[in-house]
Amino acid sequence: MSRPVKRSLTLKGHRTSVSLEDDFWRAFKEIATQEGKPINALAAEIDATRDLDAGLASAIRLYVLRHFMNTR
């Protein structure tokens, strides 16, 4: 299993970073491609709907998990 790596994103015109493992990052990019959205747009959607007690990286991981659990 890989260690989390910092990845840069732009949300609402501001640069931010999230630390995600390679597998989660690849899955996140795959979902964005499937949905026809830029990765920054998908990240902004997740950011806008996440619980403020959860970090963005955690929210992305949960989004990826739920996506693949629902596509079984």
Protein backbone atom coordinates (compact mmCIF):
# COMPACT_ATOMS: atom_id res chain seq x y z
CA MET A 1 0.00 0.00 0.00
CA SER A 2 1.30 3.44 -0.88
CA ARG A 3 1.69 6.38 1.46
CA PRO A 4 -0.45 9.44 0.86
CA VAL A 5 1.04 11.94 -1.57
CA LYS A 6 0.18 15.65 -1.64
CA ARG A 7 -1.80 16.53 -4.77
CA SER A 8 -2.67 20.06 -5.86
CA LEU A 9 -6.22 21.11 -6.70
CA THR A 10 -7.87 24.43 -7.47
CA LEU A 11 -11.18 25.10 -5.71
CA LYS A 12 -13.06 28.33 -6.41
CA GLY A 13 -9.90 29.86 -7.83
CA HIS A 14 -7.73 28.98 -4.82
CA ARG A 15 -4.97 26.39 -4.78
CA THR A 16 -5.20 23.71 -2.12
CA SER A 17 -3.68 20.30 -1.61
CA VAL A 18 -4.94 16.94 -0.46
CA SER A 19 -2.92 13.94 0.62
CA LEU A 20 -4.21 10.82 -1.12
CA GLU A 21 -2.81 7.38 -1.76
CA ASP A 22 -2.07 6.56 -5.43
CA ASP A 23 -5.00 4.13 -5.67
CA PHE A 24 -7.50 6.70 -4.41
CA TRP A 25 -6.08 9.40 -6.69
CA ARG A 26 -6.30 7.14 -9.76
CA ALA A 27 -9.86 6.11 -8.85
CA PHE A 28 -10.83 9.76 -8.28
CA LYS A 29 -9.46 10.73 -11.69
CA GLU A 30 -11.28 7.77 -13.28
CA ILE A 31 -14.60 8.87 -11.76
CA ALA A 32 -14.08 12.44 -12.97
CA THR A 33 -13.39 11.15 -16.48
CA GLN A 34 -16.47 8.88 -16.41
CA GLU A 35 -18.60 11.83 -15.33
CA GLY A 36 -17.07 14.10 -17.96
CA LYS A 37 -15.84 16.59 -15.36
CA PRO A 38 -12.47 18.15 -14.71
CA ILE A 39 -10.99 16.78 -11.51
CA ASN A 40 -11.05 20.25 -9.94
CA ALA A 41 -14.79 20.56 -10.63
CA LEU A 42 -15.51 17.19 -9.01
CA ALA A 43 -13.34 18.13 -6.03
CA ALA A 44 -15.26 21.41 -5.70
CA GLU A 45 -18.57 19.52 -5.69
CA ILE A 46 -17.32 17.20 -2.98
CA ASP A 47 -15.94 20.13 -1.01
CA ALA A 48 -19.26 21.99 -1.19
CA THR A 49 -21.24 19.04 0.16
CA ARG A 50 -18.85 17.59 2.74
CA ASP A 51 -19.36 17.72 6.48
CA LEU A 52 -17.18 20.52 7.81
CA ASP A 53 -15.82 18.15 10.45
CA ALA A 54 -14.27 16.02 7.69
CA GLY A 55 -11.20 17.01 5.73
CA LEU A 56 -11.30 17.21 1.96
CA ALA A 57 -9.04 14.18 1.50
CA SER A 58 -11.32 12.07 3.70
CA ALA A 59 -14.37 13.32 1.82
CA ILE A 60 -12.76 12.33 -1.49
CA ARG A 61 -11.89 8.87 -0.17
CA LEU A 62 -15.49 8.35 0.98
CA TYR A 63 -16.81 9.60 -2.37
CA VAL A 64 -14.59 7.11 -4.22
CA LEU A 65 -15.61 4.28 -1.88
CA ARG A 66 -19.32 5.02 -2.24
CA HIS A 67 -19.01 5.33 -6.01
CA PHE A 68 -17.51 1.87 -6.38
CA MET A 69 -19.83 0.31 -3.79
CA ASN A 70 -22.81 1.63 -5.78
CA THR A 71 -21.49 0.33 -9.11
CA ARG A 72 -21.32 -3.29 -8.02
